[in-house]
Amino acid sequence: MTAAAREEAQPLVVVGAGVMGTGITTLALAHGVPVTLVDVDRAVLDRAEVTVAHSLRTAALLGATPPDTAPGPLTTTTSLSDALSGPAPVVVVEAVVEDPATKAAVLAQVSATVSAGTPIISNTSSIPIDELAASVTRPADLLGTHFMNPAYLITTVEVVPGPRTAADVVAAAKKFLGELRRTPIVVRDSPGFVTSRLLHPMINDAARLVQEGVASAEDVDALMRGCLGHPTGPLRTADLIGIDNLVDALDVLHRRVGDDRSRPCDLLLAKVRDGHHGRKSGRGFYDYEEAHP
């Protein structure tokens, strides 16, 4: 994107500077889109700026950025009101923790502030969109996405309109994802959608095998990679997702679907209690202390 085009580009507002918020921010910046990243914790934003800069370098080295496109400018703020009071955003992405009440509160504030017709996206791995729509002023403007981590490398995105989402809002969101060179796959609204409904219970089963002493985490992952073609193994994937986020999503699935395979196993719960959340905390099923800042 040229400097002139970048000056005219509408900003993307991302709320939540955790793993997914920083990944989505990196993706947009890499495609020349200005981003305002919001989080209530200034220290989290400071760490996010470092993470985004590192991720942009990684994406460029891996050929995941468009050629001849300068990164968009990044603005960070602890005030959602300030973020939404500037130029009208092309899209607002909520990427806070996988907790229905927290998401609902953020979405309510966004919906009360932005212009009608602005796509408001909840990036969620499990929470039904129509459930979240109860908190917003205009349910027609709300839809869901499920970006995979790392968002700046994985090119397919699950898109979830709720039953009240307007067709033009879905079209606008798909157009925006296309500008980010992402392939949107639209699925029907339901707990866990497609990817989490399949992946999360499988990870839970894998953790339960380790809990029962059937095999080590390393051996479970090696078997899944070598025999079944899983690219990373389910337990290393859990570390990448964030075990705390995984447990939250499993709990949503268990409560809303009733499938006992989605009841978080004791080993996952223990890792969350111990602060072993995966790569972002330096330790999960594997150790990442050398790579952890």
Protein backbone atom coordinates (compact mmCIF):
# COMPACT_ATOMS: atom_id res chain seq x y z
CA MET A 1 0.00 0.00 0.00
CA THR A 2 1.38 3.39 -0.98
CA ALA A 3 1.83 6.17 1.56
CA ALA A 4 -1.08 8.12 0.02
CA ALA A 5 -3.40 5.12 0.10
CA ARG A 6 -2.39 4.38 3.67
CA GLU A 7 -3.27 7.93 4.72
CA GLU A 8 -6.75 7.49 3.22
CA ALA A 9 -7.31 4.00 4.66
CA GLN A 10 -9.90 3.59 7.38
CA PRO A 11 -8.39 2.27 10.59
CA LEU A 12 -9.08 -1.11 12.11
CA VAL A 13 -9.85 -1.01 15.83
CA VAL A 14 -8.83 -4.14 17.77
CA VAL A 15 -9.99 -4.45 21.37
CA GLY A 16 -7.84 -6.77 23.48
CA ALA A 17 -4.04 -6.99 23.24
CA GLY A 18 -3.66 -10.65 24.10
CA VAL A 19 -2.45 -13.41 21.80
CA MET A 20 -5.24 -13.12 19.25
CA GLY A 21 -5.52 -9.34 19.38
CA THR A 22 -1.83 -8.90 18.67
CA GLY A 23 -1.95 -11.53 15.92
CA ILE A 24 -4.88 -9.84 14.15
CA THR A 25 -3.16 -6.48 14.59
CA THR A 26 0.02 -7.85 13.01
CA LEU A 27 -1.94 -9.23 10.06
CA ALA A 28 -3.65 -5.91 9.36
CA LEU A 29 -0.50 -3.82 9.79
CA ALA A 30 1.39 -6.13 7.43
CA HIS A 31 -1.18 -5.29 4.75
CA GLY A 32 -0.79 -1.54 5.27
CA VAL A 33 -3.95 -1.07 7.36
CA PRO A 34 -3.73 1.46 10.22
CA VAL A 35 -4.63 -0.20 13.54
CA THR A 36 -5.70 1.20 16.88
CA LEU A 37 -5.12 -1.47 19.53
CA VAL A 38 -7.03 -1.09 22.80
CA ASP A 39 -6.46 -2.73 26.16
CA VAL A 40 -7.25 -1.64 29.71
CA ASP A 41 -3.70 -2.49 30.85
CA ARG A 42 -0.91 -0.20 29.67
CA ALA A 43 1.73 -2.82 30.48
CA VAL A 44 -0.09 -5.34 28.25
CA LEU A 45 -0.09 -2.79 25.43
CA ASP A 46 3.62 -2.14 25.89
CA ARG A 47 4.32 -5.88 25.59
CA ALA A 48 1.99 -6.08 22.60
CA GLU A 49 3.98 -3.41 20.75
CA VAL A 50 7.13 -5.52 21.15
CA THR A 51 5.30 -8.69 20.10
CA VAL A 52 3.78 -7.04 17.02
CA ALA A 53 7.16 -5.68 15.89
CA HIS A 54 8.71 -9.15 16.27
CA SER A 55 5.78 -10.81 14.49
CA LEU A 56 5.98 -8.38 11.57
CA ARG A 57 9.64 -9.30 11.11
CA THR A 58 8.78 -13.00 11.31
CA ALA A 59 5.95 -12.65 8.80
CA ALA A 60 8.25 -10.83 6.38
CA LEU A 61 10.97 -13.48 6.72
CA LEU A 62 8.41 -16.22 6.02
CA GLY A 63 7.04 -14.44 2.96
CA ALA A 64 3.66 -13.87 4.61
CA THR A 65 3.51 -10.14 3.86
CA PRO A 66 2.47 -8.62 0.51
CA PRO A 67 5.35 -7.27 -1.57
CA ASP A 68 5.84 -3.51 -1.85
CA THR A 69 3.51 -2.80 1.07
CA ALA A 70 4.76 -0.70 3.94
CA PRO A 71 3.31 -1.68 7.33
CA GLY A 72 0.43 0.42 8.54
CA PRO A 73 0.84 2.66 11.59
CA LEU A 74 0.00 1.28 15.04
CA THR A 75 -1.68 3.36 17.74
CA THR A 76 -2.28 1.99 21.23
CA THR A 77 -4.62 3.27 23.91
CA THR A 78 -6.24 2.20 27.16
CA SER A 79 -9.42 4.12 26.27
CA LEU A 80 -11.98 2.45 24.02
CA SER A 81 -13.87 5.74 23.82
CA ASP A 82 -10.77 7.49 22.50
CA ALA A 83 -10.16 4.72 19.97
CA LEU A 84 -13.69 5.04 18.60
CA SER A 85 -13.78 8.84 18.59
CA GLY A 86 -11.24 9.19 15.77
CA PRO A 87 -11.73 8.41 12.07
CA ALA A 88 -14.58 5.94 11.47
CA PRO A 89 -13.17 2.41 11.62
CA VAL A 90 -13.62 0.06 8.69
CA VAL A 91 -14.20 -2.77 11.17
CA VAL A 92 -14.03 -3.18 14.96
CA VAL A 93 -12.68 -6.51 16.20
CA GLU A 94 -13.30 -7.55 19.80
CA ALA A 95 -10.59 -10.02 20.85
CA VAL A 96 -10.83 -10.07 24.65
CA VAL A 97 -10.88 -13.19 26.82
CA GLU A 98 -13.25 -16.05 25.99
CA ASP A 99 -15.74 -15.05 28.65
CA PRO A 100 -19.31 -14.24 27.55
CA ALA A 101 -19.88 -11.47 30.11
CA THR A 102 -16.60 -9.71 29.33
CA LYS A 103 -17.21 -9.88 25.60
CA ALA A 104 -20.79 -8.67 26.00
CA ALA A 105 -19.67 -5.62 27.99
CA VAL A 106 -17.10 -4.62 25.36
CA LEU A 107 -19.47 -5.23 22.46
CA ALA A 108 -22.17 -3.14 24.15
CA GLN A 109 -19.81 -0.16 24.43
CA VAL A 110 -18.62 -0.53 20.83
CA SER A 111 -22.15 -0.86 19.49
CA ALA A 112 -23.31 2.24 21.36
CA THR A 113 -20.51 4.31 19.82
CA VAL A 114 -19.85 3.33 16.18
CA SER A 115 -22.02 4.26 13.23
CA ALA A 116 -24.77 1.92 12.08
CA GLY A 117 -23.53 -0.50 9.45
CA THR A 118 -19.97 -0.70 10.82
CA PRO A 119 -19.10 -4.41 11.07
CA ILE A 120 -18.52 -5.35 14.70
CA ILE A 121 -16.66 -8.63 14.91
CA SER A 122 -16.34 -10.82 17.96
CA ASN A 123 -13.31 -13.06 17.56
CA THR A 124 -14.47 -16.11 19.49
CA SER A 125 -13.73 -19.80 19.36
CA SER A 126 -16.91 -21.01 21.03
CA ILE A 127 -19.56 -18.45 22.07
CA PRO A 128 -22.68 -18.34 19.85
CA ILE A 129 -22.98 -14.99 18.09
CA ASP A 130 -26.70 -14.63 18.68
CA GLU A 131 -26.04 -14.97 22.40
CA LEU A 132 -23.63 -12.03 22.23
CA ALA A 133 -26.08 -10.11 20.02
CA ALA A 134 -28.33 -9.64 23.05
CA SER A 135 -25.80 -7.09 24.37
CA VAL A 136 -25.53 -4.84 21.31
CA THR A 137 -27.68 -1.98 20.08
CA ARG A 138 -27.87 -3.31 16.51
CA PRO A 139 -27.61 -7.12 16.22
CA ALA A 140 -27.54 -6.70 12.43
CA ASP A 141 -23.99 -5.26 12.70
CA LEU A 142 -22.53 -8.13 14.74
CA LEU A 143 -20.85 -11.24 13.40
CA GLY A 144 -18.18 -13.64 14.56
CA THR A 145 -14.80 -14.72 13.29
CA HIS A 146 -12.45 -17.38 14.48
CA PHE A 147 -8.91 -16.47 13.44
CA MET A 148 -6.37 -19.19 14.09
CA ASN A 149 -3.09 -18.48 15.86
CA PRO A 150 -0.84 -17.11 14.45
CA ALA A 151 -3.35 -15.02 12.52
CA TYR A 152 -0.65 -13.45 10.36
CA LEU A 153 0.37 -16.89 9.00
CA ILE A 154 -2.86 -18.93 8.82
CA THR A 155 -4.80 -17.81 5.78
CA THR A 156 -8.28 -19.30 6.37
CA VAL A 157 -10.77 -17.66 8.74
CA GLU A 158 -14.03 -19.08 10.07
CA VAL A 159 -16.80 -16.47 9.67
CA VAL A 160 -19.98 -16.79 11.72
CA PRO A 161 -23.01 -14.61 11.01
CA GLY A 162 -25.70 -14.75 13.64
CA PRO A 163 -29.32 -15.23 12.58
CA ARG A 164 -29.83 -11.46 12.88
CA THR A 165 -26.62 -10.38 11.09
CA ALA A 166 -27.27 -8.26 8.00
CA ALA A 167 -26.12 -9.61 4.64
CA ASP A 168 -24.28 -6.38 3.78
CA VAL A 169 -22.32 -6.55 7.03
CA VAL A 170 -21.24 -10.11 6.18
CA ALA A 171 -20.26 -8.92 2.70
CA ALA A 172 -18.25 -6.00 4.14
CA ALA A 173 -16.42 -8.29 6.56
CA LYS A 174 -15.63 -10.79 3.80
CA LYS A 175 -14.35 -7.97 1.59
CA PHE A 176 -12.09 -6.75 4.38
CA LEU A 177 -10.73 -10.26 4.97
CA GLY A 178 -10.09 -10.55 1.24
CA GLU A 179 -8.04 -7.35 1.38
CA LEU A 180 -5.97 -9.08 4.08
CA ARG A 181 -5.51 -12.04 1.69
CA ARG A 182 -7.59 -14.30 3.94
CA THR A 183 -10.07 -16.92 2.77
CA PRO A 184 -13.35 -16.61 4.69
CA ILE A 185 -15.38 -19.77 5.25
CA VAL A 186 -18.91 -18.91 6.37
CA VAL A 187 -20.56 -21.36 8.80
CA ARG A 188 -23.83 -21.34 10.71
CA ASP A 189 -23.96 -19.97 14.26
CA SER A 190 -23.67 -22.65 16.95
CA PRO A 191 -21.52 -23.30 20.05
CA GLY A 192 -17.93 -23.89 18.89
CA PHE A 193 -18.88 -23.52 15.21
CA VAL A 194 -16.81 -26.07 13.21
CA THR A 195 -13.14 -25.84 14.15
CA SER A 196 -13.50 -25.69 17.93
CA ARG A 197 -16.30 -28.25 17.96
CA LEU A 198 -13.88 -30.70 16.33
CA LEU A 199 -10.50 -29.59 17.69
CA HIS A 200 -11.10 -28.72 21.34
CA PRO A 201 -12.60 -32.06 22.48
CA MET A 202 -9.75 -33.83 20.68
CA ILE A 203 -7.18 -31.78 22.58
CA ASN A 204 -9.05 -32.53 25.81
CA ASP A 205 -8.90 -36.26 24.98
CA ALA A 206 -5.16 -35.96 24.30
CA ALA A 207 -4.60 -34.24 27.66
CA ARG A 208 -6.67 -36.93 29.39
CA LEU A 209 -4.38 -39.63 27.93
CA VAL A 210 -1.39 -37.85 29.48
CA GLN A 211 -3.30 -37.45 32.76
CA GLU A 212 -4.02 -41.21 32.84
CA GLY A 213 -0.36 -42.07 32.14
CA VAL A 214 -1.10 -43.73 28.80
CA ALA A 215 1.62 -41.68 27.06
CA SER A 216 3.70 -38.55 27.50
CA ALA A 217 2.71 -35.29 25.83
CA GLU A 218 5.66 -35.68 23.48
CA ASP A 219 4.57 -39.18 22.46
CA VAL A 220 0.92 -38.22 21.98
CA ASP A 221 1.98 -35.39 19.69
CA ALA A 222 4.51 -37.57 17.84
CA LEU A 223 1.85 -40.20 17.14
CA MET A 224 -0.67 -37.62 15.97
CA ARG A 225 1.90 -36.04 13.67
CA GLY A 226 3.42 -39.23 12.33
CA CYS A 227 0.34 -41.44 12.06
CA LEU A 228 -2.55 -39.04 11.56
CA GLY A 229 -0.92 -36.05 9.87
CA HIS A 230 -1.64 -33.44 12.53
CA PRO A 231 0.87 -30.66 11.72
CA THR A 232 1.96 -29.83 15.28
CA GLY A 233 0.26 -32.32 17.60
CA PRO A 234 -2.76 -31.50 19.77
CA LEU A 235 -0.87 -30.66 22.96
CA ARG A 236 1.60 -28.30 21.33
CA THR A 237 -1.46 -26.76 19.67
CA ALA A 238 -2.98 -26.34 23.15
CA ASP A 239 0.14 -24.43 24.20
CA LEU A 240 -0.21 -22.19 21.16
CA ILE A 241 -3.93 -21.53 21.76
CA GLY A 242 -3.30 -20.83 25.45
CA ILE A 243 -4.48 -23.49 27.89
CA ASP A 244 -6.51 -20.92 29.83
CA ASN A 245 -8.33 -19.92 26.63
CA LEU A 246 -8.80 -23.58 25.74
CA VAL A 247 -10.38 -24.34 29.13
CA ASP A 248 -12.72 -21.35 28.79
CA ALA A 249 -13.80 -22.51 25.34
CA LEU A 250 -14.26 -26.12 26.48
CA ASP A 251 -16.40 -24.90 29.36
CA VAL A 252 -18.62 -22.94 26.94
CA LEU A 253 -18.98 -26.03 24.75
CA HIS A 254 -19.74 -28.31 27.69
CA ARG A 255 -22.39 -25.99 29.11
CA ARG A 256 -24.13 -25.35 25.81
CA VAL A 257 -23.76 -28.68 23.99
CA GLY A 258 -23.65 -31.11 26.94
CA ASP A 259 -20.94 -33.29 25.37
CA ASP A 260 -18.91 -34.76 28.23
CA ARG A 261 -15.83 -34.88 26.00
CA SER A 262 -15.81 -31.08 26.33
CA ARG A 263 -15.67 -31.09 30.14
CA PRO A 264 -12.11 -29.79 30.80
CA CYS A 265 -10.04 -32.64 32.21
CA ASP A 266 -8.22 -32.34 35.54
CA LEU A 267 -4.80 -31.94 33.94
CA LEU A 268 -5.90 -28.90 31.92
CA LEU A 269 -7.53 -27.36 34.99
CA ALA A 270 -4.37 -27.95 37.03
CA LYS A 271 -2.20 -26.25 34.41
CA VAL A 272 -4.47 -23.20 34.46
CA ARG A 273 -4.34 -23.06 38.29
CA ASP A 274 -0.55 -23.31 38.19
CA GLY A 275 -0.23 -20.54 35.60
CA HIS A 276 1.14 -22.92 32.96
CA HIS A 277 -0.87 -21.45 30.10
CA GLY A 278 1.38 -22.48 27.25
CA ARG A 279 3.77 -20.57 25.05
CA LYS A 280 2.61 -17.12 26.22
CA SER A 281 3.44 -17.92 29.86
CA GLY A 282 6.67 -19.78 29.12
CA ARG A 283 5.36 -23.19 30.11
CA GLY A 284 2.45 -25.48 29.28
CA PHE A 285 2.79 -29.05 28.08
CA TYR A 286 6.22 -27.93 26.89
CA ASP A 287 8.83 -25.51 28.20
CA TYR A 288 9.35 -22.21 26.37
CA GLU A 289 11.35 -20.34 29.00
CA GLU A 290 14.25 -19.60 26.64
CA ALA A 291 11.89 -18.03 24.08
CA HIS A 292 9.70 -16.30 26.64
CA PRO A 293 10.59 -12.61 27.23
